[in-house]
Amino acid sequence: MSNYQEVLLQAQSLTPEEQIRLIEYLSSLIRQQVTMTPKPKRSILELRGLGKEIWNGVDAQEYVNQERDSWNG
């Protein structure tokens, strides 16, 4: 039996109040770990060129004109 399964069995034997206390403690512990882990900074420049193949062969001005024409119904 794995440690995880053993812990689950032990948790099931707790009263509902004790289970709630355990959940609250574990949630607090996880939140602390998450806030202490630095997130890498991202840059908008990482998106540069994303999806450019979709526009391959499309004339930009023609596309804009078609879109504007569609607004008039």
PDB file of N, CA and C in Angstrom:
ATOM      1  N   MET A   1       0.852  -1.178   0.000  1.00  0.00           N
ATOM      2  CA  MET A   1       0.000   0.000   0.000  1.00  0.00           C
ATOM      3  C   MET A   1       0.899   1.244   0.000  1.00  0.00           C
ATOM      4  N   SER A   2       0.568   2.215  -0.830  1.00  0.00           N
ATOM      5  CA  SER A   2       1.383   3.431  -0.931  1.00  0.00           C
ATOM      6  C   SER A   2       1.110   4.359   0.248  1.00  0.00           C
ATOM      7  N   ASN A   3       2.034   5.297   0.454  1.00  0.00           N
ATOM      8  CA  ASN A   3       1.856   6.296   1.513  1.00  0.00           C
ATOM      9  C   ASN A   3       0.564   7.078   1.313  1.00  0.00           C
ATOM     10  N   TYR A   4       0.291   7.398   0.049  1.00  0.00           N
ATOM     11  CA  TYR A   4      -0.920   8.165  -0.274  1.00  0.00           C
ATOM     12  C   TYR A   4      -2.171   7.411   0.182  1.00  0.00           C
ATOM     13  N   GLN A   5      -2.238   6.135  -0.138  1.00  0.00           N
ATOM     14  CA  GLN A   5      -3.397   5.324   0.244  1.00  0.00           C
ATOM     15  C   GLN A   5      -3.509   5.199   1.757  1.00  0.00           C
ATOM     16  N   GLU A   6      -2.372   5.061   2.440  1.00  0.00           N
ATOM     17  CA  GLU A   6      -2.382   4.987   3.897  1.00  0.00           C
ATOM     18  C   GLU A   6      -2.929   6.273   4.505  1.00  0.00           C
ATOM     19  N   VAL A   7      -2.490   7.404   3.961  1.00  0.00           N
ATOM     20  CA  VAL A   7      -2.955   8.695   4.470  1.00  0.00           C
ATOM     21  C   VAL A   7      -4.452   8.847   4.219  1.00  0.00           C
ATOM     22  N   LEU A   8      -4.918   8.424   3.050  1.00  0.00           N
ATOM     23  CA  LEU A   8      -6.352   8.504   2.765  1.00  0.00           C
ATOM     24  C   LEU A   8      -7.154   7.683   3.759  1.00  0.00           C
ATOM     25  N   LEU A   9      -6.698   6.480   4.046  1.00  0.00           N
ATOM     26  CA  LEU A   9      -7.402   5.632   5.008  1.00  0.00           C
ATOM     27  C   LEU A   9      -7.425   6.293   6.385  1.00  0.00           C
ATOM     28  N   GLN A  10      -6.307   6.886   6.778  1.00  0.00           N
ATOM     29  CA  GLN A  10      -6.252   7.563   8.071  1.00  0.00           C
ATOM     30  C   GLN A  10      -7.185   8.771   8.089  1.00  0.00           C
ATOM     31  N   ALA A  11      -7.219   9.511   6.986  1.00  0.00           N
ATOM     32  CA  ALA A  11      -8.093  10.689   6.907  1.00  0.00           C
ATOM     33  C   ALA A  11      -9.557  10.286   6.987  1.00  0.00           C
ATOM     34  N   GLN A  12      -9.895   9.156   6.398  1.00  0.00           N
ATOM     35  CA  GLN A  12     -11.281   8.685   6.441  1.00  0.00           C
ATOM     36  C   GLN A  12     -11.701   8.297   7.852  1.00  0.00           C
ATOM     37  N   SER A  13     -10.752   7.952   8.669  1.00  0.00           N
ATOM     38  CA  SER A  13     -11.088   7.560  10.043  1.00  0.00           C
ATOM     39  C   SER A  13     -11.264   8.768  10.959  1.00  0.00           C
ATOM     40  N   LEU A  14     -10.918   9.955  10.492  1.00  0.00           N
ATOM     41  CA  LEU A  14     -11.082  11.170  11.281  1.00  0.00           C
ATOM     42  C   LEU A  14     -12.541  11.593  11.324  1.00  0.00           C
ATOM     43  N   THR A  15     -12.894  12.369  12.330  1.00  0.00           N
ATOM     44  CA  THR A  15     -14.237  12.938  12.383  1.00  0.00           C
ATOM     45  C   THR A  15     -14.341  14.002  11.284  1.00  0.00           C
ATOM     46  N   PRO A  16     -15.559  14.369  10.891  1.00  0.00           N
ATOM     47  CA  PRO A  16     -15.702  15.435   9.881  1.00  0.00           C
ATOM     48  C   PRO A  16     -14.994  16.733  10.289  1.00  0.00           C
ATOM     49  N   GLU A  17     -15.059  17.078  11.567  1.00  0.00           N
ATOM     50  CA  GLU A  17     -14.392  18.297  12.035  1.00  0.00           C
ATOM     51  C   GLU A  17     -12.873  18.187  11.864  1.00  0.00           C
ATOM     52  N   GLU A  18     -12.327  17.018  12.188  1.00  0.00           N
ATOM     53  CA  GLU A  18     -10.889  16.811  12.031  1.00  0.00           C
ATOM     54  C   GLU A  18     -10.491  16.812  10.552  1.00  0.00           C
ATOM     55  N   GLN A  19     -11.344  16.270   9.704  1.00  0.00           N
ATOM     56  CA  GLN A  19     -11.063  16.275   8.265  1.00  0.00           C
ATOM     57  C   GLN A  19     -11.022  17.707   7.743  1.00  0.00           C
ATOM     58  N   ILE A  20     -11.950  18.534   8.198  1.00  0.00           N
ATOM     59  CA  ILE A  20     -11.969  19.940   7.776  1.00  0.00           C
ATOM     60  C   ILE A  20     -10.708  20.646   8.259  1.00  0.00           C
ATOM     61  N   ARG A  21     -10.305  20.415   9.512  1.00  0.00           N
ATOM     62  CA  ARG A  21      -9.066  21.005  10.025  1.00  0.00           C
ATOM     63  C   ARG A  21      -7.875  20.573   9.192  1.00  0.00           C
ATOM     64  N   LEU A  22      -7.836  19.304   8.816  1.00  0.00           N
ATOM     65  CA  LEU A  22      -6.739  18.785   8.003  1.00  0.00           C
ATOM     66  C   LEU A  22      -6.711  19.457   6.634  1.00  0.00           C
ATOM     67  N   ILE A  23      -7.874  19.584   6.022  1.00  0.00           N
ATOM     68  CA  ILE A  23      -7.965  20.236   4.703  1.00  0.00           C
ATOM     69  C   ILE A  23      -7.506  21.688   4.795  1.00  0.00           C
ATOM     70  N   GLU A  24      -7.961  22.387   5.833  1.00  0.00           N
ATOM     71  CA  GLU A  24      -7.562  23.787   5.991  1.00  0.00           C
ATOM     72  C   GLU A  24      -6.056  23.911   6.193  1.00  0.00           C
ATOM     73  N   TYR A  25      -5.484  23.020   6.972  1.00  0.00           N
ATOM     74  CA  TYR A  25      -4.042  23.057   7.204  1.00  0.00           C
ATOM     75  C   TYR A  25      -3.278  22.784   5.909  1.00  0.00           C
ATOM     76  N   LEU A  26      -3.694  21.742   5.184  1.00  0.00           N
ATOM     77  CA  LEU A  26      -3.011  21.410   3.937  1.00  0.00           C
ATOM     78  C   LEU A  26      -3.151  22.530   2.913  1.00  0.00           C
ATOM     79  N   SER A  27      -4.330  23.151   2.840  1.00  0.00           N
ATOM     80  CA  SER A  27      -4.542  24.269   1.919  1.00  0.00           C
ATOM     81  C   SER A  27      -3.611  25.425   2.251  1.00  0.00           C
ATOM     82  N   SER A  28      -3.493  25.723   3.540  1.00  0.00           N
ATOM     83  CA  SER A  28      -2.606  26.800   3.971  1.00  0.00           C
ATOM     84  C   SER A  28      -1.157  26.474   3.630  1.00  0.00           C
ATOM     85  N   LEU A  29      -0.765  25.243   3.858  1.00  0.00           N
ATOM     86  CA  LEU A  29       0.596  24.810   3.562  1.00  0.00           C
ATOM     87  C   LEU A  29       0.909  24.942   2.072  1.00  0.00           C
ATOM     88  N   ILE A  30      -0.023  24.533   1.233  1.00  0.00           N
ATOM     89  CA  ILE A  30       0.163  24.613  -0.220  1.00  0.00           C
ATOM     90  C   ILE A  30       0.220  26.071  -0.672  1.00  0.00           C
ATOM     91  N   ARG A  31      -0.670  26.914  -0.121  1.00  0.00           N
ATOM     92  CA  ARG A  31      -0.657  28.334  -0.492  1.00  0.00           C
ATOM     93  C   ARG A  31       0.687  28.977  -0.168  1.00  0.00           C
ATOM     94  N   GLN A  32       1.253  28.633   0.986  1.00  0.00           N
ATOM     95  CA  GLN A  32       2.556  29.186   1.364  1.00  0.00           C
ATOM     96  C   GLN A  32       3.630  28.747   0.375  1.00  0.00           C
ATOM     97  N   GLN A  33       3.584  27.495  -0.036  1.00  0.00           N
ATOM     98  CA  GLN A  33       4.579  26.987  -0.978  1.00  0.00           C
ATOM     99  C   GLN A  33       4.445  27.668  -2.328  1.00  0.00           C
ATOM    100  N   VAL A  34       3.211  27.911  -2.752  1.00  0.00           N
ATOM    101  CA  VAL A  34       2.968  28.542  -4.051  1.00  0.00           C
ATOM    102  C   VAL A  34       3.447  29.985  -4.032  1.00  0.00           C
ATOM    103  N   THR A  35       3.172  30.707  -2.955  1.00  0.00           N
ATOM    104  CA  THR A  35       3.572  32.114  -2.908  1.00  0.00           C
ATOM    105  C   THR A  35       5.071  32.261  -2.734  1.00  0.00           C
ATOM    106  N   MET A  36       5.732  31.252  -2.201  1.00  0.00           N
ATOM    107  CA  MET A  36       7.181  31.322  -2.012  1.00  0.00           C
ATOM    108  C   MET A  36       7.928  30.929  -3.277  1.00  0.00           C
ATOM    109  N   THR A  37       7.252  30.288  -4.219  1.00  0.00           N
ATOM    110  CA  THR A  37       7.885  29.872  -5.460  1.00  0.00           C
ATOM    111  C   THR A  37       7.821  31.034  -6.449  1.00  0.00           C
ATOM    112  N   PRO A  38       8.967  31.591  -6.826  1.00  0.00           N
ATOM    113  CA  PRO A  38       8.934  32.729  -7.754  1.00  0.00           C
ATOM    114  C   PRO A  38       8.456  32.297  -9.142  1.00  0.00           C
ATOM    115  N   LYS A  39       7.586  33.104  -9.706  1.00  0.00           N
ATOM    116  CA  LYS A  39       7.099  32.843 -11.057  1.00  0.00           C
ATOM    117  C   LYS A  39       8.007  33.565 -12.043  1.00  0.00           C
ATOM    118  N   PRO A  40       8.342  32.898 -13.134  1.00  0.00           N
ATOM    119  CA  PRO A  40       9.197  33.575 -14.116  1.00  0.00           C
ATOM    120  C   PRO A  40       8.444  34.731 -14.770  1.00  0.00           C
ATOM    121  N   LYS A  41       9.157  35.818 -14.985  1.00  0.00           N
ATOM    122  CA  LYS A  41       8.542  36.959 -15.649  1.00  0.00           C
ATOM    123  C   LYS A  41       8.385  36.630 -17.123  1.00  0.00           C
ATOM    124  N   ARG A  42       7.271  37.063 -17.679  1.00  0.00           N
ATOM    125  CA  ARG A  42       6.990  36.803 -19.087  1.00  0.00           C
ATOM    126  C   ARG A  42       7.053  38.109 -19.849  1.00  0.00           C
ATOM    127  N   SER A  43       7.292  38.002 -21.123  1.00  0.00           N
ATOM    128  CA  SER A  43       7.368  39.183 -21.971  1.00  0.00           C
ATOM    129  C   SER A  43       6.371  39.039 -23.112  1.00  0.00           C
ATOM    130  N   ILE A  44       5.744  40.138 -23.467  1.00  0.00           N
ATOM    131  CA  ILE A  44       4.813  40.149 -24.595  1.00  0.00           C
ATOM    132  C   ILE A  44       5.545  39.776 -25.877  1.00  0.00           C
ATOM    133  N   LEU A  45       6.846  39.996 -25.898  1.00  0.00           N
ATOM    134  CA  LEU A  45       7.633  39.693 -27.088  1.00  0.00           C
ATOM    135  C   LEU A  45       7.702  38.194 -27.372  1.00  0.00           C
ATOM    136  N   GLU A  46       7.381  37.371 -26.378  1.00  0.00           N
ATOM    137  CA  GLU A  46       7.362  35.924 -26.593  1.00  0.00           C
ATOM    138  C   GLU A  46       6.289  35.521 -27.607  1.00  0.00           C
ATOM    139  N   LEU A  47       5.311  36.388 -27.795  1.00  0.00           N
ATOM    140  CA  LEU A  47       4.217  36.095 -28.728  1.00  0.00           C
ATOM    141  C   LEU A  47       4.537  36.511 -30.157  1.00  0.00           C
ATOM    142  N   ARG A  48       5.666  37.164 -30.345  1.00  0.00           N
ATOM    143  CA  ARG A  48       6.027  37.652 -31.672  1.00  0.00           C
ATOM    144  C   ARG A  48       6.068  36.503 -32.680  1.00  0.00           C
ATOM    145  N   GLY A  49       5.370  36.695 -33.782  1.00  0.00           N
ATOM    146  CA  GLY A  49       5.363  35.709 -34.861  1.00  0.00           C
ATOM    147  C   GLY A  49       4.362  34.578 -34.664  1.00  0.00           C
ATOM    148  N   LEU A  50       3.704  34.549 -33.518  1.00  0.00           N
ATOM    149  CA  LEU A  50       2.751  33.482 -33.249  1.00  0.00           C
ATOM    150  C   LEU A  50       1.560  33.587 -34.205  1.00  0.00           C
ATOM    151  N   GLY A  51       1.295  32.560 -34.952  1.00  0.00           N
ATOM    152  CA  GLY A  51       0.171  32.523 -35.871  1.00  0.00           C
ATOM    153  C   GLY A  51       0.417  33.211 -37.200  1.00  0.00           C
ATOM    154  N   LYS A  52       1.659  33.556 -37.474  1.00  0.00           N
ATOM    155  CA  LYS A  52       1.930  34.294 -38.715  1.00  0.00           C
ATOM    156  C   LYS A  52       1.597  33.466 -39.952  1.00  0.00           C
ATOM    157  N   GLU A  53       1.633  32.138 -39.834  1.00  0.00           N
ATOM    158  CA  GLU A  53       1.318  31.291 -40.995  1.00  0.00           C
ATOM    159  C   GLU A  53      -0.140  31.450 -41.432  1.00  0.00           C
ATOM    160  N   ILE A  54      -0.990  31.881 -40.534  1.00  0.00           N
ATOM    161  CA  ILE A  54      -2.407  32.091 -40.871  1.00  0.00           C
ATOM    162  C   ILE A  54      -2.547  33.223 -41.886  1.00  0.00           C
ATOM    163  N   TRP A  55      -1.682  34.214 -41.776  1.00  0.00           N
ATOM    164  CA  TRP A  55      -1.773  35.399 -42.627  1.00  0.00           C
ATOM    165  C   TRP A  55      -0.913  35.296 -43.878  1.00  0.00           C
ATOM    166  N   ASN A  56      -0.256  34.181 -44.068  1.00  0.00           N
ATOM    167  CA  ASN A  56       0.606  34.000 -45.239  1.00  0.00           C
ATOM    168  C   ASN A  56      -0.222  34.112 -46.519  1.00  0.00           C
ATOM    169  N   GLY A  57       0.171  35.016 -47.393  1.00  0.00           N
ATOM    170  CA  GLY A  57      -0.518  35.185 -48.671  1.00  0.00           C
ATOM    171  C   GLY A  57      -1.750  36.069 -48.603  1.00  0.00           C
ATOM    172  N   VAL A  58      -2.026  36.669 -47.455  1.00  0.00           N
ATOM    173  CA  VAL A  58      -3.195  37.541 -47.310  1.00  0.00           C
ATOM    174  C   VAL A  58      -2.735  38.989 -47.416  1.00  0.00           C
ATOM    175  N   ASP A  59      -3.375  39.739 -48.306  1.00  0.00           N
ATOM    176  CA  ASP A  59      -3.072  41.161 -48.435  1.00  0.00           C
ATOM    177  C   ASP A  59      -3.771  41.898 -47.293  1.00  0.00           C
ATOM    178  N   ALA A  60      -2.997  42.584 -46.462  1.00  0.00           N
ATOM    179  CA  ALA A  60      -3.537  43.221 -45.267  1.00  0.00           C
ATOM    180  C   ALA A  60      -4.608  44.261 -45.599  1.00  0.00           C
ATOM    181  N   GLN A  61      -4.344  45.110 -46.579  1.00  0.00           N
ATOM    182  CA  GLN A  61      -5.306  46.156 -46.905  1.00  0.00           C
ATOM    183  C   GLN A  61      -6.591  45.569 -47.462  1.00  0.00           C
ATOM    184  N   GLU A  62      -6.468  44.549 -48.296  1.00  0.00           N
ATOM    185  CA  GLU A  62      -7.654  43.888 -48.846  1.00  0.00           C
ATOM    186  C   GLU A  62      -8.488  43.266 -47.723  1.00  0.00           C
ATOM    187  N   TYR A  63      -7.825  42.663 -46.768  1.00  0.00           N
ATOM    188  CA  TYR A  63      -8.521  42.054 -45.633  1.00  0.00           C
ATOM    189  C   TYR A  63      -9.287  43.121 -44.842  1.00  0.00           C
ATOM    190  N   VAL A  64      -8.615  44.242 -44.558  1.00  0.00           N
ATOM    191  CA  VAL A  64      -9.255  45.320 -43.806  1.00  0.00           C
ATOM    192  C   VAL A  64     -10.442  45.870 -44.577  1.00  0.00           C
ATOM    193  N   ASN A  65     -10.286  46.050 -45.873  1.00  0.00           N
ATOM    194  CA  ASN A  65     -11.394  46.556 -46.691  1.00  0.00           C
ATOM    195  C   ASN A  65     -12.587  45.603 -46.651  1.00  0.00           C
ATOM    196  N   GLN A  66     -12.347  44.306 -46.743  1.00  0.00           N
ATOM    197  CA  GLN A  66     -13.433  43.323 -46.684  1.00  0.00           C
ATOM    198  C   GLN A  66     -14.140  43.368 -45.331  1.00  0.00           C
ATOM    199  N   GLU A  67     -13.362  43.510 -44.280  1.00  0.00           N
ATOM    200  CA  GLU A  67     -13.958  43.586 -42.950  1.00  0.00           C
ATOM    201  C   GLU A  67     -14.832  44.827 -42.825  1.00  0.00           C
ATOM    202  N   ARG A  68     -14.324  45.954 -43.290  1.00  0.00           N
ATOM    203  CA  ARG A  68     -15.101  47.195 -43.215  1.00  0.00           C
ATOM    204  C   ARG A  68     -16.372  47.106 -44.044  1.00  0.00           C
ATOM    205  N   ASP A  69     -16.276  46.473 -45.214  1.00  0.00           N
ATOM    206  CA  ASP A  69     -17.459  46.301 -46.061  1.00  0.00           C
ATOM    207  C   ASP A  69     -18.516  45.438 -45.365  1.00  0.00           C
ATOM    208  N   SER A  70     -18.063  44.457 -44.575  1.00  0.00           N
ATOM    209  CA  SER A  70     -19.022  43.581 -43.900  1.00  0.00           C
ATOM    210  C   SER A  70     -19.782  44.290 -42.794  1.00  0.00           C
ATOM    211  N   TRP A  71     -19.240  45.405 -42.287  1.00  0.00           N
ATOM    212  CA  TRP A  71     -19.927  46.154 -41.252  1.00  0.00           C
ATOM    213  C   TRP A  71     -21.185  46.842 -41.780  1.00  0.00           C
ATOM    214  N   ASN A  72     -21.178  47.153 -43.066  1.00  0.00           N
ATOM    215  CA  ASN A  72     -22.292  47.896 -43.660  1.00  0.00           C
ATOM    216  C   ASN A  72     -23.435  46.985 -44.061  1.00  0.00           C
ATOM    217  N   GLY A  73     -23.254  45.712 -43.926  1.00  0.00           N
ATOM    218  CA  GLY A  73     -24.330  44.768 -44.197  1.00  0.00           C
ATOM    219  C   GLY A  73     -24.359  44.410 -45.621  1.00  0.00           C
TER     220      GLY A  73
END
